[in-house]
Amino acid sequence: MGKGYPYNGEVFAHPQGGTEHLVGYCINGQQYLGKPPVYPDENPDDSPEYREGKKKSVIVNTYERSPAARLLCIDHHGAVCAICGFDFGRVYGAECEGMIHVHHLKMISEVDNEYMIDPVEDLRPVCPNCHMVLHSKKDGCYTIEDVKKMLE
């Protein structure tokens, strides 16, 4: 790493007498404002043209989830967001009845192995918007209580 090295990482501000805070990030030496992308397809494109549809491969780890545990979670808690109360069936009609994401209170990626899950105690139904916010924390995951406070 030396002169001309294409930096990849976060950029922080250090105001005099203030608290250090994230202001942007770099990818291959190019600076961008705001939070780094959460998903691989959100990486910036510096092209002046707006193109989509190019196929690319992305390698990620996936963790198996139990469809039966998901159903038991929804059966117990209902298909209503545990954070904001959104109900797809009520808003969009019968065709969308029962649609909901299911959030693991403990991130599967932190367990690092197959484990037994209790669908009632370990899972909660959340809408896609709240689910994205839960997983938007830089290090780890917000709690359901954290996101509820954000809505107050």
N, C-alpha and C. Protein backbone atom coordinates (compact mmCIF):
# COMPACT_ATOMS: atom_id res chain seq x y z
N MET A 1 0.85 -1.17 0.00
CA MET A 1 0.00 0.00 0.00
C MET A 1 0.89 1.23 0.00
N GLY A 2 0.73 2.02 -1.00
CA GLY A 2 1.51 3.24 -1.09
C GLY A 2 0.81 4.21 -2.00
N LYS A 3 1.59 5.13 -2.52
CA LYS A 3 1.04 6.15 -3.39
C LYS A 3 0.34 5.51 -4.59
N GLY A 4 -0.84 5.99 -4.89
CA GLY A 4 -1.59 5.45 -6.01
C GLY A 4 -2.38 4.19 -5.69
N TYR A 5 -2.34 3.74 -4.44
CA TYR A 5 -3.08 2.54 -4.06
C TYR A 5 -4.58 2.82 -4.10
N PRO A 6 -5.37 2.01 -4.81
CA PRO A 6 -6.82 2.24 -4.88
C PRO A 6 -7.51 1.83 -3.58
N TYR A 7 -7.77 2.81 -2.72
CA TYR A 7 -8.33 2.56 -1.39
C TYR A 7 -9.75 2.01 -1.48
N ASN A 8 -10.03 1.01 -0.67
CA ASN A 8 -11.37 0.45 -0.49
C ASN A 8 -11.71 0.52 0.99
N GLY A 9 -12.76 1.23 1.34
CA GLY A 9 -13.15 1.31 2.74
C GLY A 9 -13.97 2.54 3.03
N GLU A 10 -14.15 2.79 4.31
CA GLU A 10 -15.00 3.89 4.76
C GLU A 10 -14.19 5.16 4.95
N VAL A 11 -14.88 6.30 4.83
CA VAL A 11 -14.26 7.60 5.03
C VAL A 11 -14.98 8.27 6.20
N PHE A 12 -14.19 8.73 7.18
CA PHE A 12 -14.75 9.34 8.38
C PHE A 12 -14.36 10.81 8.46
N ALA A 13 -15.23 11.62 9.05
CA ALA A 13 -14.93 13.02 9.35
C ALA A 13 -14.46 13.08 10.80
N HIS A 14 -13.51 13.95 11.06
CA HIS A 14 -12.98 14.14 12.40
C HIS A 14 -13.06 15.63 12.75
N PRO A 15 -14.27 16.15 13.02
CA PRO A 15 -14.38 17.58 13.31
C PRO A 15 -13.72 17.94 14.64
N GLN A 16 -13.08 19.14 14.67
CA GLN A 16 -12.45 19.58 15.92
C GLN A 16 -13.50 19.70 17.00
N GLY A 17 -13.26 19.06 18.13
CA GLY A 17 -14.19 19.13 19.24
C GLY A 17 -15.46 18.32 19.03
N GLY A 18 -15.55 17.61 17.92
CA GLY A 18 -16.75 16.83 17.62
C GLY A 18 -16.47 15.34 17.64
N THR A 19 -17.49 14.57 17.34
CA THR A 19 -17.39 13.12 17.32
C THR A 19 -17.12 12.63 15.90
N GLU A 20 -16.20 11.68 15.79
CA GLU A 20 -15.91 11.07 14.49
C GLU A 20 -17.19 10.43 13.95
N HIS A 21 -17.45 10.61 12.65
CA HIS A 21 -18.64 9.99 12.05
C HIS A 21 -18.38 9.66 10.58
N LEU A 22 -19.10 8.66 10.12
CA LEU A 22 -18.99 8.18 8.75
C LEU A 22 -19.58 9.20 7.79
N VAL A 23 -18.83 9.55 6.73
CA VAL A 23 -19.35 10.48 5.73
C VAL A 23 -19.41 9.86 4.33
N GLY A 24 -18.69 8.75 4.14
CA GLY A 24 -18.69 8.14 2.81
C GLY A 24 -17.83 6.89 2.78
N TYR A 25 -17.50 6.46 1.57
CA TYR A 25 -16.70 5.26 1.40
C TYR A 25 -15.98 5.34 0.06
N CYS A 26 -15.00 4.47 -0.12
CA CYS A 26 -14.24 4.40 -1.37
C CYS A 26 -14.29 2.98 -1.91
N ILE A 27 -14.40 2.88 -3.23
CA ILE A 27 -14.27 1.60 -3.92
C ILE A 27 -13.27 1.83 -5.04
N ASN A 28 -12.16 1.10 -4.99
CA ASN A 28 -11.06 1.25 -5.96
C ASN A 28 -10.62 2.70 -6.10
N GLY A 29 -10.55 3.40 -4.98
CA GLY A 29 -10.06 4.77 -4.97
C GLY A 29 -11.09 5.83 -5.30
N GLN A 30 -12.28 5.43 -5.76
CA GLN A 30 -13.34 6.39 -6.08
C GLN A 30 -14.16 6.67 -4.83
N GLN A 31 -14.34 7.96 -4.49
CA GLN A 31 -15.06 8.32 -3.28
C GLN A 31 -16.56 8.49 -3.55
N TYR A 32 -17.36 8.06 -2.57
CA TYR A 32 -18.81 8.19 -2.62
C TYR A 32 -19.31 8.70 -1.28
N LEU A 33 -20.37 9.50 -1.29
CA LEU A 33 -20.96 9.99 -0.06
C LEU A 33 -22.00 9.00 0.45
N GLY A 34 -22.21 8.99 1.76
CA GLY A 34 -23.26 8.15 2.35
C GLY A 34 -22.73 6.83 2.84
N LYS A 35 -23.67 5.97 3.23
CA LYS A 35 -23.32 4.65 3.76
C LYS A 35 -22.86 3.74 2.63
N PRO A 36 -21.96 2.80 2.93
CA PRO A 36 -21.57 1.80 1.92
C PRO A 36 -22.76 0.95 1.54
N PRO A 37 -22.74 0.36 0.34
CA PRO A 37 -23.86 -0.49 -0.09
C PRO A 37 -24.00 -1.70 0.81
N VAL A 38 -25.26 -2.14 0.98
CA VAL A 38 -25.55 -3.30 1.80
C VAL A 38 -25.49 -4.56 0.95
N TYR A 39 -25.98 -4.48 -0.29
CA TYR A 39 -26.05 -5.64 -1.17
C TYR A 39 -25.06 -5.48 -2.32
N PRO A 40 -24.53 -6.60 -2.84
CA PRO A 40 -23.54 -6.52 -3.92
C PRO A 40 -24.02 -5.75 -5.15
N ASP A 41 -25.32 -5.80 -5.47
CA ASP A 41 -25.78 -5.11 -6.67
C ASP A 41 -25.96 -3.61 -6.45
N GLU A 42 -25.67 -3.11 -5.24
CA GLU A 42 -25.76 -1.68 -4.98
C GLU A 42 -24.43 -0.97 -5.16
N ASN A 43 -23.38 -1.69 -5.59
CA ASN A 43 -22.10 -1.04 -5.80
C ASN A 43 -22.24 0.03 -6.88
N PRO A 44 -21.61 1.19 -6.67
CA PRO A 44 -21.78 2.30 -7.61
C PRO A 44 -21.18 2.01 -8.98
N ASP A 45 -21.72 2.68 -9.97
CA ASP A 45 -21.26 2.59 -11.35
C ASP A 45 -20.99 4.02 -11.79
N ASP A 46 -19.75 4.32 -12.19
CA ASP A 46 -19.38 5.68 -12.55
C ASP A 46 -19.73 6.04 -13.99
N SER A 47 -20.32 5.14 -14.73
CA SER A 47 -20.64 5.39 -16.12
C SER A 47 -21.67 6.52 -16.24
N PRO A 48 -21.51 7.41 -17.24
CA PRO A 48 -22.52 8.46 -17.44
C PRO A 48 -23.81 7.91 -18.06
N GLU A 49 -23.78 6.66 -18.50
CA GLU A 49 -24.97 6.03 -19.07
C GLU A 49 -25.63 5.16 -18.00
N TYR A 50 -26.92 4.97 -18.13
CA TYR A 50 -27.66 4.16 -17.17
C TYR A 50 -28.00 2.84 -17.82
N ARG A 51 -27.19 1.83 -17.54
CA ARG A 51 -27.38 0.52 -18.13
C ARG A 51 -27.76 -0.47 -17.04
N GLU A 52 -28.60 -1.41 -17.39
CA GLU A 52 -28.97 -2.50 -16.49
C GLU A 52 -29.08 -3.79 -17.29
N GLY A 53 -29.08 -4.89 -16.59
CA GLY A 53 -29.30 -6.17 -17.23
C GLY A 53 -28.04 -6.97 -17.50
N LYS A 54 -26.85 -6.38 -17.24
CA LYS A 54 -25.61 -7.13 -17.45
C LYS A 54 -25.55 -8.25 -16.42
N LYS A 55 -25.25 -9.44 -16.88
CA LYS A 55 -25.18 -10.60 -15.99
C LYS A 55 -23.80 -10.64 -15.34
N LYS A 56 -23.78 -10.85 -14.03
CA LYS A 56 -22.53 -11.05 -13.32
C LYS A 56 -22.77 -12.06 -12.21
N SER A 57 -21.73 -12.75 -11.83
CA SER A 57 -21.81 -13.74 -10.76
C SER A 57 -21.34 -13.13 -9.46
N VAL A 58 -22.06 -13.44 -8.39
CA VAL A 58 -21.69 -12.98 -7.06
C VAL A 58 -21.68 -14.20 -6.16
N ILE A 59 -20.59 -14.39 -5.44
CA ILE A 59 -20.48 -15.53 -4.54
C ILE A 59 -20.74 -15.04 -3.13
N VAL A 60 -21.75 -15.65 -2.49
CA VAL A 60 -22.09 -15.30 -1.11
C VAL A 60 -22.40 -16.59 -0.35
N ASN A 61 -22.28 -16.52 0.96
CA ASN A 61 -22.72 -17.64 1.79
C ASN A 61 -24.22 -17.51 2.01
N THR A 62 -24.91 -18.61 1.97
CA THR A 62 -26.33 -18.62 2.32
C THR A 62 -26.51 -19.58 3.49
N TYR A 63 -27.53 -19.34 4.26
CA TYR A 63 -27.80 -20.17 5.41
C TYR A 63 -29.21 -20.74 5.26
N GLU A 64 -29.33 -22.05 5.37
CA GLU A 64 -30.62 -22.70 5.19
C GLU A 64 -31.59 -22.28 6.27
N ARG A 65 -32.82 -22.07 5.86
CA ARG A 65 -33.88 -21.72 6.78
C ARG A 65 -34.96 -22.79 6.69
N SER A 66 -35.64 -23.01 7.77
CA SER A 66 -36.67 -24.03 7.83
C SER A 66 -38.02 -23.43 7.42
N PRO A 67 -38.60 -23.87 6.29
CA PRO A 67 -39.93 -23.39 5.90
C PRO A 67 -40.99 -23.72 6.95
N ALA A 68 -40.84 -24.86 7.63
CA ALA A 68 -41.81 -25.24 8.66
C ALA A 68 -41.72 -24.29 9.85
N ALA A 69 -40.51 -23.88 10.24
CA ALA A 69 -40.35 -22.93 11.35
C ALA A 69 -40.96 -21.58 10.98
N ARG A 70 -40.80 -21.18 9.73
CA ARG A 70 -41.39 -19.92 9.26
C ARG A 70 -42.92 -19.96 9.42
N LEU A 71 -43.52 -21.05 8.96
CA LEU A 71 -44.97 -21.19 9.05
C LEU A 71 -45.46 -21.20 10.50
N LEU A 72 -44.73 -21.88 11.38
CA LEU A 72 -45.12 -21.91 12.79
C LEU A 72 -45.00 -20.52 13.42
N CYS A 73 -43.98 -19.77 13.04
CA CYS A 73 -43.82 -18.39 13.53
C CYS A 73 -45.03 -17.56 13.14
N ILE A 74 -45.41 -17.61 11.87
CA ILE A 74 -46.55 -16.83 11.37
C ILE A 74 -47.85 -17.32 11.99
N ASP A 75 -47.98 -18.64 12.16
CA ASP A 75 -49.18 -19.20 12.78
C ASP A 75 -49.36 -18.67 14.21
N HIS A 76 -48.24 -18.54 14.93
CA HIS A 76 -48.31 -18.07 16.31
C HIS A 76 -48.44 -16.54 16.42
N HIS A 77 -47.57 -15.81 15.69
CA HIS A 77 -47.50 -14.35 15.82
C HIS A 77 -48.43 -13.62 14.85
N GLY A 78 -48.89 -14.30 13.81
CA GLY A 78 -49.71 -13.65 12.79
C GLY A 78 -48.84 -13.08 11.68
N ALA A 79 -49.47 -12.74 10.56
CA ALA A 79 -48.75 -12.21 9.39
C ALA A 79 -48.79 -10.69 9.40
N VAL A 80 -48.52 -10.11 10.55
CA VAL A 80 -48.51 -8.66 10.74
C VAL A 80 -47.14 -8.27 11.27
N CYS A 81 -46.58 -7.20 10.77
CA CYS A 81 -45.24 -6.77 11.18
C CYS A 81 -45.18 -6.51 12.68
N ALA A 82 -44.22 -7.14 13.34
CA ALA A 82 -44.04 -7.00 14.79
C ALA A 82 -43.51 -5.62 15.16
N ILE A 83 -43.11 -4.84 14.16
CA ILE A 83 -42.56 -3.51 14.43
C ILE A 83 -43.57 -2.41 14.13
N CYS A 84 -44.07 -2.37 12.90
CA CYS A 84 -44.94 -1.26 12.49
C CYS A 84 -46.42 -1.65 12.36
N GLY A 85 -46.72 -2.95 12.44
CA GLY A 85 -48.10 -3.39 12.34
C GLY A 85 -48.64 -3.54 10.93
N PHE A 86 -47.77 -3.43 9.91
CA PHE A 86 -48.22 -3.53 8.52
C PHE A 86 -48.78 -4.92 8.25
N ASP A 87 -49.91 -4.98 7.55
CA ASP A 87 -50.59 -6.22 7.21
C ASP A 87 -50.87 -6.21 5.71
N PHE A 88 -50.16 -7.04 4.95
CA PHE A 88 -50.31 -7.06 3.49
C PHE A 88 -51.74 -7.35 3.07
N GLY A 89 -52.40 -8.29 3.72
CA GLY A 89 -53.77 -8.65 3.36
C GLY A 89 -54.73 -7.50 3.54
N ARG A 90 -54.58 -6.75 4.63
CA ARG A 90 -55.47 -5.61 4.90
C ARG A 90 -55.24 -4.49 3.88
N VAL A 91 -53.98 -4.26 3.52
CA VAL A 91 -53.66 -3.15 2.61
C VAL A 91 -53.90 -3.53 1.15
N TYR A 92 -53.47 -4.72 0.71
CA TYR A 92 -53.51 -5.09 -0.70
C TYR A 92 -54.63 -6.06 -1.06
N GLY A 93 -55.31 -6.62 -0.07
CA GLY A 93 -56.41 -7.52 -0.37
C GLY A 93 -56.06 -8.99 -0.18
N ALA A 94 -57.05 -9.82 -0.45
CA ALA A 94 -56.96 -11.26 -0.19
C ALA A 94 -55.79 -11.94 -0.91
N GLU A 95 -55.43 -11.47 -2.11
CA GLU A 95 -54.32 -12.09 -2.85
C GLU A 95 -53.00 -12.01 -2.10
N CYS A 96 -52.86 -11.03 -1.22
CA CYS A 96 -51.61 -10.84 -0.48
C CYS A 96 -51.72 -11.23 0.99
N GLU A 97 -52.83 -11.84 1.36
CA GLU A 97 -53.03 -12.30 2.73
C GLU A 97 -51.93 -13.27 3.13
N GLY A 98 -51.31 -13.05 4.28
CA GLY A 98 -50.28 -13.94 4.80
C GLY A 98 -48.86 -13.63 4.35
N MET A 99 -48.70 -12.66 3.43
CA MET A 99 -47.35 -12.30 3.00
C MET A 99 -46.64 -11.56 4.13
N ILE A 100 -45.42 -11.96 4.43
CA ILE A 100 -44.63 -11.29 5.48
C ILE A 100 -43.23 -11.91 5.46
N HIS A 101 -42.23 -11.14 5.83
CA HIS A 101 -40.89 -11.69 6.05
C HIS A 101 -40.83 -12.25 7.47
N VAL A 102 -39.87 -13.12 7.71
CA VAL A 102 -39.65 -13.64 9.06
C VAL A 102 -38.20 -13.35 9.44
N HIS A 103 -38.03 -12.67 10.57
CA HIS A 103 -36.72 -12.23 11.04
C HIS A 103 -36.22 -13.12 12.17
N HIS A 104 -34.95 -13.51 12.09
CA HIS A 104 -34.31 -14.27 13.16
C HIS A 104 -33.78 -13.28 14.20
N LEU A 105 -34.19 -13.43 15.44
CA LEU A 105 -33.74 -12.52 16.48
C LEU A 105 -32.24 -12.62 16.71
N LYS A 106 -31.68 -13.79 16.48
CA LYS A 106 -30.23 -13.97 16.51
C LYS A 106 -29.79 -14.28 15.08
N MET A 107 -28.85 -13.48 14.57
CA MET A 107 -28.42 -13.64 13.18
C MET A 107 -27.83 -15.03 12.96
N ILE A 108 -28.33 -15.72 11.95
CA ILE A 108 -27.85 -17.08 11.63
C ILE A 108 -26.35 -17.05 11.35
N SER A 109 -25.87 -16.00 10.70
CA SER A 109 -24.45 -15.92 10.35
C SER A 109 -23.56 -15.86 11.58
N GLU A 110 -24.10 -15.42 12.73
CA GLU A 110 -23.31 -15.36 13.96
C GLU A 110 -23.24 -16.71 14.66
N VAL A 111 -24.17 -17.62 14.36
CA VAL A 111 -24.19 -18.93 15.00
C VAL A 111 -23.07 -19.80 14.43
N ASP A 112 -22.82 -19.69 13.13
CA ASP A 112 -21.73 -20.37 12.44
C ASP A 112 -21.85 -21.89 12.42
N ASN A 113 -23.06 -22.41 12.60
CA ASN A 113 -23.28 -23.84 12.52
C ASN A 113 -24.78 -24.11 12.51
N GLU A 114 -25.16 -25.29 12.14
CA GLU A 114 -26.56 -25.69 12.19
C GLU A 114 -27.00 -25.75 13.65
N TYR A 115 -28.22 -25.32 13.94
CA TYR A 115 -28.70 -25.32 15.32
C TYR A 115 -30.21 -25.50 15.35
N MET A 116 -30.74 -25.81 16.53
CA MET A 116 -32.18 -25.98 16.72
C MET A 116 -32.80 -24.61 16.95
N ILE A 117 -33.96 -24.40 16.35
CA ILE A 117 -34.64 -23.11 16.46
C ILE A 117 -36.03 -23.31 17.05
N ASP A 118 -36.46 -22.35 17.86
CA ASP A 118 -37.81 -22.33 18.39
C ASP A 118 -38.56 -21.25 17.61
N PRO A 119 -39.48 -21.64 16.72
CA PRO A 119 -40.15 -20.67 15.84
C PRO A 119 -40.89 -19.55 16.58
N VAL A 120 -41.40 -19.84 17.77
CA VAL A 120 -42.14 -18.84 18.54
C VAL A 120 -41.20 -17.89 19.25
N GLU A 121 -40.13 -18.40 19.83
CA GLU A 121 -39.20 -17.58 20.62
C GLU A 121 -38.11 -16.91 19.78
N ASP A 122 -37.67 -17.56 18.68
CA ASP A 122 -36.51 -17.10 17.93
C ASP A 122 -36.82 -16.32 16.67
N LEU A 123 -38.08 -16.30 16.23
CA LEU A 123 -38.45 -15.65 14.97
C LEU A 123 -39.56 -14.64 15.21
N ARG A 124 -39.60 -13.60 14.36
CA ARG A 124 -40.69 -12.62 14.41
C ARG A 124 -41.07 -12.23 12.98
N PRO A 125 -42.37 -12.07 12.72
CA PRO A 125 -42.79 -11.58 11.40
C PRO A 125 -42.53 -10.07 11.31
N VAL A 126 -41.93 -9.65 10.20
CA VAL A 126 -41.67 -8.23 9.96
C VAL A 126 -41.90 -7.92 8.49
N CYS A 127 -42.34 -6.72 8.20
CA CYS A 127 -42.53 -6.32 6.80
C CYS A 127 -41.16 -6.10 6.14
N PRO A 128 -41.10 -6.10 4.82
CA PRO A 128 -39.81 -5.92 4.14
C PRO A 128 -39.10 -4.61 4.50
N ASN A 129 -39.86 -3.53 4.68
CA ASN A 129 -39.22 -2.26 5.03
C ASN A 129 -38.54 -2.35 6.39
N CYS A 130 -39.25 -2.82 7.38
CA CYS A 130 -38.68 -2.95 8.72
C CYS A 130 -37.54 -3.97 8.72
N HIS A 131 -37.66 -5.03 7.91
CA HIS A 131 -36.61 -6.04 7.84
C HIS A 131 -35.32 -5.43 7.30
N MET A 132 -35.44 -4.57 6.29
CA MET A 132 -34.26 -3.92 5.74
C MET A 132 -33.61 -3.01 6.79
N VAL A 133 -34.42 -2.29 7.56
CA VAL A 133 -33.87 -1.42 8.59
C VAL A 133 -33.18 -2.26 9.68
N LEU A 134 -33.79 -3.37 10.09
CA LEU A 134 -33.17 -4.25 11.08
C LEU A 134 -31.76 -4.64 10.67
N HIS A 135 -31.56 -4.92 9.38
CA HIS A 135 -30.27 -5.39 8.89
C HIS A 135 -29.39 -4.27 8.34
N SER A 136 -29.74 -3.01 8.57
CA SER A 136 -28.96 -1.90 8.02
C SER A 136 -27.88 -1.39 8.97
N LYS A 137 -27.79 -1.92 10.16
CA LYS A 137 -26.78 -1.48 11.12
C LYS A 137 -25.40 -1.89 10.63
N LYS A 138 -24.44 -0.98 10.78
CA LYS A 138 -23.09 -1.22 10.27
C LYS A 138 -22.49 -2.52 10.82
N ASP A 139 -22.55 -2.70 12.10
CA ASP A 139 -21.99 -3.90 12.73
C ASP A 139 -23.11 -4.70 13.37
N GLY A 140 -23.58 -5.73 12.68
CA GLY A 140 -24.61 -6.58 13.26
C GLY A 140 -26.00 -6.23 12.80
N CYS A 141 -26.89 -6.10 13.76
CA CYS A 141 -28.30 -5.95 13.45
C CYS A 141 -28.96 -5.11 14.55
N TYR A 142 -29.89 -4.23 14.16
CA TYR A 142 -30.70 -3.53 15.16
C TYR A 142 -31.66 -4.53 15.78
N THR A 143 -32.11 -4.24 16.99
CA THR A 143 -33.14 -5.07 17.61
C THR A 143 -34.51 -4.55 17.17
N ILE A 144 -35.52 -5.37 17.38
CA ILE A 144 -36.88 -4.95 17.07
C ILE A 144 -37.23 -3.72 17.90
N GLU A 145 -36.79 -3.67 19.15
CA GLU A 145 -37.07 -2.51 20.00
C GLU A 145 -36.39 -1.25 19.46
N ASP A 146 -35.14 -1.40 18.95
CA ASP A 146 -34.43 -0.25 18.34
C ASP A 146 -35.24 0.35 17.20
N VAL A 147 -35.76 -0.49 16.33
CA VAL A 147 -36.49 -0.01 15.15
C VAL A 147 -37.84 0.58 15.57
N LYS A 148 -38.47 0.00 16.57
CA LYS A 148 -39.73 0.59 17.08
C LYS A 148 -39.48 2.01 17.58
N LYS A 149 -38.37 2.23 18.27
CA LYS A 149 -38.02 3.57 18.77
C LYS A 149 -37.79 4.54 17.61
N MET A 150 -37.22 4.06 16.51
CA MET A 150 -36.99 4.91 15.34
C MET A 150 -38.33 5.43 14.79
N LEU A 151 -39.38 4.66 14.93
CA LEU A 151 -40.70 5.04 14.40
C LEU A 151 -41.45 6.01 15.32
N GLU A 152 -40.98 6.17 16.54
CA GLU A 152 -41.66 7.06 17.49
C GLU A 152 -41.44 8.52 17.14
